[in-house]
C-alpha atoms as a PDB file:
ATOM      1  CA  UNK A   1      -9.263 -18.709  -9.316  1.00  0.00           C
ATOM      2  CA  UNK A   2     -11.971 -19.894  -6.996  1.00  0.00           C
ATOM      3  CA  UNK A   3     -15.307 -21.434  -8.005  1.00  0.00           C
ATOM      4  CA  UNK A   4     -17.960 -19.867  -5.806  1.00  0.00           C
ATOM      5  CA  UNK A   5     -21.130 -21.014  -7.489  1.00  0.00           C
ATOM      6  CA  UNK A   6     -22.067 -23.987  -9.670  1.00  0.00           C
ATOM      7  CA  UNK A   7     -25.559 -24.131 -11.157  1.00  0.00           C
ATOM      8  CA  UNK A   8     -27.204 -27.002 -13.016  1.00  0.00           C
ATOM      9  CA  UNK A   9     -28.935 -26.162 -16.299  1.00  0.00           C
ATOM     10  CA  UNK A  10     -32.469 -24.958 -15.608  1.00  0.00           C
ATOM     11  CA  UNK A  11     -31.682 -23.521 -12.163  1.00  0.00           C
ATOM     12  CA  UNK A  12     -32.306 -19.880 -11.407  1.00  0.00           C
ATOM     13  CA  UNK A  13     -29.425 -17.893 -12.863  1.00  0.00           C
ATOM     14  CA  UNK A  14     -28.922 -20.058 -15.952  1.00  0.00           C
ATOM     15  CA  UNK A  15     -31.752 -18.752 -18.145  1.00  0.00           C
ATOM     16  CA  UNK A  16     -29.512 -16.534 -20.292  1.00  0.00           C
ATOM     17  CA  UNK A  17     -27.171 -19.433 -21.020  1.00  0.00           C
ATOM     18  CA  UNK A  18     -30.056 -21.869 -21.505  1.00  0.00           C
ATOM     19  CA  UNK A  19     -31.454 -19.531 -24.174  1.00  0.00           C
ATOM     20  CA  UNK A  20     -28.069 -19.403 -25.910  1.00  0.00           C
ATOM     21  CA  UNK A  21     -27.051 -23.075 -25.692  1.00  0.00           C
ATOM     22  CA  UNK A  22     -30.389 -24.917 -25.284  1.00  0.00           C
ATOM     23  CA  UNK A  23     -30.352 -28.584 -24.293  1.00  0.00           C
ATOM     24  CA  UNK A  24     -26.578 -28.769 -24.730  1.00  0.00           C
ATOM     25  CA  UNK A  25     -26.039 -26.761 -21.530  1.00  0.00           C
ATOM     26  CA  UNK A  26     -25.123 -28.833 -18.462  1.00  0.00           C
ATOM     27  CA  UNK A  27     -23.567 -26.491 -15.886  1.00  0.00           C
ATOM     28  CA  UNK A  28     -22.831 -22.796 -15.349  1.00  0.00           C
ATOM     29  CA  UNK A  29     -19.952 -21.894 -13.018  1.00  0.00           C
ATOM     30  CA  UNK A  30     -18.950 -18.562 -11.574  1.00  0.00           C
ATOM     31  CA  UNK A  31     -15.214 -18.297 -10.904  1.00  0.00           C
ATOM     32  CA  UNK A  32     -13.564 -15.405  -9.100  1.00  0.00           C
ATOM     33  CA  UNK A  33     -10.030 -14.052  -9.355  1.00  0.00           C
ATOM     34  CA  UNK A  34      -9.544 -11.972  -6.210  1.00  0.00           C
ATOM     35  CA  UNK A  35      -6.165 -10.656  -7.330  1.00  0.00           C
ATOM     36  CA  UNK A  36      -7.452  -9.181 -10.599  1.00  0.00           C
ATOM     37  CA  UNK A  37     -10.909  -8.576  -9.130  1.00  0.00           C
ATOM     38  CA  UNK A  38     -12.639 -10.354 -12.009  1.00  0.00           C
ATOM     39  CA  UNK A  39     -15.550 -12.759 -12.216  1.00  0.00           C
ATOM     40  CA  UNK A  40     -15.532 -15.407 -14.944  1.00  0.00           C
ATOM     41  CA  UNK A  41     -18.652 -17.214 -16.082  1.00  0.00           C
ATOM     42  CA  UNK A  42     -17.976 -20.632 -17.596  1.00  0.00           C
ATOM     43  CA  UNK A  43     -20.375 -23.132 -19.088  1.00  0.00           C
ATOM     44  CA  UNK A  44     -20.163 -26.879 -19.583  1.00  0.00           C
ATOM     45  CA  UNK A  45     -21.732 -28.104 -22.820  1.00  0.00           C
ATOM     46  CA  UNK A  46     -22.518 -31.445 -24.436  1.00  0.00           C
ATOM     47  CA  UNK A  47     -20.692 -31.431 -27.779  1.00  0.00           C
ATOM     48  CA  UNK A  48     -21.177 -35.076 -28.821  1.00  0.00           C
ATOM     49  CA  UNK A  49     -23.413 -38.020 -27.987  1.00  0.00           C
ATOM     50  CA  UNK A  50     -22.729 -41.563 -29.123  1.00  0.00           C
ATOM     51  CA  UNK A  51     -22.935 -45.087 -27.742  1.00  0.00           C
ATOM     52  CA  UNK A  52     -19.873 -46.546 -26.130  1.00  0.00           C
ATOM     53  CA  UNK A  53     -18.544 -49.968 -25.258  1.00  0.00           C
ATOM     54  CA  UNK A  54     -17.656 -50.611 -21.635  1.00  0.00           C
ATOM     55  CA  UNK A  55     -14.048 -51.563 -20.884  1.00  0.00           C
ATOM     56  CA  UNK A  56     -12.420 -52.786 -17.724  1.00  0.00           C
ATOM     57  CA  UNK A  57      -9.235 -51.209 -16.329  1.00  0.00           C
ATOM     58  CA  UNK A  58      -7.068 -53.508 -18.471  1.00  0.00           C
ATOM     59  CA  UNK A  59      -8.710 -52.222 -21.634  1.00  0.00           C
ATOM     60  CA  UNK A  60     -10.627 -55.448 -22.265  1.00  0.00           C
ATOM     61  CA  UNK A  61     -14.071 -54.949 -23.695  1.00  0.00           C
ATOM     62  CA  UNK A  62     -16.869 -56.266 -21.505  1.00  0.00           C
ATOM     63  CA  UNK A  63     -20.649 -56.208 -21.829  1.00  0.00           C
ATOM     64  CA  UNK A  64     -22.527 -53.325 -20.261  1.00  0.00           C
ATOM     65  CA  UNK A  65     -24.792 -53.976 -17.317  1.00  0.00           C
ATOM     66  CA  UNK A  66     -27.140 -56.637 -18.569  1.00  0.00           C
ATOM     67  CA  UNK A  67     -30.691 -55.342 -18.847  1.00  0.00           C
ATOM     68  CA  UNK A  68     -33.449 -57.562 -17.509  1.00  0.00           C
ATOM     69  CA  UNK A  69     -34.486 -60.152 -20.074  1.00  0.00           C
ATOM     70  CA  UNK A  70     -37.804 -59.503 -21.684  1.00  0.00           C
ATOM     71  CA  UNK A  71     -40.642 -61.963 -22.164  1.00  0.00           C
ATOM     72  CA  UNK A  72     -41.207 -60.588 -25.670  1.00  0.00           C
ATOM     73  CA  UNK A  73     -39.731 -63.317 -27.890  1.00  0.00           C
ATOM     74  CA  UNK A  74     -39.879 -61.003 -30.920  1.00  0.00           C
ATOM     75  CA  UNK A  75     -37.520 -58.425 -29.434  1.00  0.00           C
ATOM     76  CA  UNK A  76     -34.017 -58.003 -30.815  1.00  0.00           C
ATOM     77  CA  UNK A  77     -31.124 -57.382 -28.439  1.00  0.00           C
ATOM     78  CA  UNK A  78     -27.474 -56.409 -28.867  1.00  0.00           C
ATOM     79  CA  UNK A  79     -24.665 -58.802 -28.038  1.00  0.00           C
ATOM     80  CA  UNK A  80     -21.033 -57.985 -27.317  1.00  0.00           C
ATOM     81  CA  UNK A  81     -18.722 -60.588 -28.802  1.00  0.00           C
ATOM     82  CA  UNK A  82     -15.023 -59.847 -29.110  1.00  0.00           C
ATOM     83  CA  UNK A  83     -13.277 -60.262 -32.455  1.00  0.00           C
ATOM     84  CA  UNK A  84     -11.136 -63.170 -31.251  1.00  0.00           C
ATOM     85  CA  UNK A  85     -14.169 -65.178 -30.038  1.00  0.00           C
ATOM     86  CA  UNK A  86     -14.626 -67.101 -33.290  1.00  0.00           C
ATOM     87  CA  UNK A  87     -16.897 -69.830 -31.905  1.00  0.00           C
ATOM     88  CA  UNK A  88     -19.428 -67.358 -30.493  1.00  0.00           C
ATOM     89  CA  UNK A  89     -19.324 -65.239 -33.655  1.00  0.00           C
ATOM     90  CA  UNK A  90     -20.034 -68.283 -35.797  1.00  0.00           C
ATOM     91  CA  UNK A  91     -22.883 -69.299 -33.456  1.00  0.00           C
ATOM     92  CA  UNK A  92     -24.671 -65.962 -33.696  1.00  0.00           C
ATOM     93  CA  UNK A  93     -24.098 -65.692 -37.451  1.00  0.00           C
ATOM     94  CA  UNK A  94     -25.629 -69.136 -37.939  1.00  0.00           C
ATOM     95  CA  UNK A  95     -28.584 -68.077 -35.768  1.00  0.00           C
ATOM     96  CA  UNK A  96     -29.248 -65.095 -38.047  1.00  0.00           C
ATOM     97  CA  UNK A  97     -27.553 -62.275 -36.179  1.00  0.00           C
ATOM     98  CA  UNK A  98     -26.234 -59.321 -38.073  1.00  0.00           C
ATOM     99  CA  UNK A  99     -23.308 -57.036 -37.337  1.00  0.00           C
ATOM    100  CA  UNK A 100     -23.907 -53.336 -36.694  1.00  0.00           C
ATOM    101  CA  UNK A 101     -20.506 -51.736 -37.361  1.00  0.00           C
ATOM    102  CA  UNK A 102     -21.335 -48.287 -35.963  1.00  0.00           C
ATOM    103  CA  UNK A 103     -22.216 -49.865 -32.592  1.00  0.00           C
ATOM    104  CA  UNK A 104     -19.679 -52.679 -32.882  1.00  0.00           C
ATOM    105  CA  UNK A 105     -22.334 -55.107 -31.659  1.00  0.00           C
ATOM    106  CA  UNK A 106     -24.310 -58.077 -32.970  1.00  0.00           C
ATOM    107  CA  UNK A 107     -28.110 -57.852 -33.128  1.00  0.00           C
ATOM    108  CA  UNK A 108     -30.170 -61.028 -32.615  1.00  0.00           C
ATOM    109  CA  UNK A 109     -33.643 -62.118 -31.536  1.00  0.00           C
ATOM    110  CA  UNK A 110     -33.911 -62.662 -27.764  1.00  0.00           C
ATOM    111  CA  UNK A 111     -35.387 -66.157 -28.189  1.00  0.00           C
ATOM    112  CA  UNK A 112     -32.332 -67.260 -30.187  1.00  0.00           C
ATOM    113  CA  UNK A 113     -30.001 -65.657 -27.652  1.00  0.00           C
ATOM    114  CA  UNK A 114     -31.654 -67.747 -24.923  1.00  0.00           C
ATOM    115  CA  UNK A 115     -31.373 -70.895 -27.075  1.00  0.00           C
ATOM    116  CA  UNK A 116     -27.644 -70.293 -27.487  1.00  0.00           C
ATOM    117  CA  UNK A 117     -27.177 -69.499 -23.795  1.00  0.00           C
ATOM    118  CA  UNK A 118     -25.597 -66.114 -24.530  1.00  0.00           C
ATOM    119  CA  UNK A 119     -27.720 -64.024 -22.160  1.00  0.00           C
ATOM    120  CA  UNK A 120     -24.575 -62.811 -20.393  1.00  0.00           C
ATOM    121  CA  UNK A 121     -23.482 -61.172 -23.678  1.00  0.00           C
ATOM    122  CA  UNK A 122     -26.526 -58.894 -23.890  1.00  0.00           C
ATOM    123  CA  UNK A 123     -25.503 -55.274 -23.670  1.00  0.00           C
ATOM    124  CA  UNK A 124     -27.576 -52.179 -23.051  1.00  0.00           C
ATOM    125  CA  UNK A 125     -27.245 -50.239 -26.276  1.00  0.00           C
ATOM    126  CA  UNK A 126     -30.071 -49.031 -28.497  1.00  0.00           C
END
């Protein structure tokens, strides 16, 4: 089978599928089987959205690209601290951070993060 046309959602030729699948539609592809003389229309859909934790190739968890630090001292940010890093966990707990299990991240005020010198642990996850 050969893919002859790939269309992004919203392009001309995707309206029918956009009406059926809405915002979940990403791509429409037209595939051709020259032997059977058939055209297949396939769609690529988003079936789940959720935050993720970045990992390096060894499987070690690492912080996401650090967003620029804000001047708003009242803003809370998320910190990535691995389970085995007891010292850092105790530091953020003592500073008033709280654990968000669904994100697997610590949430703490930016001013306290700067005080502790943990800016490199800030992760982009809202």
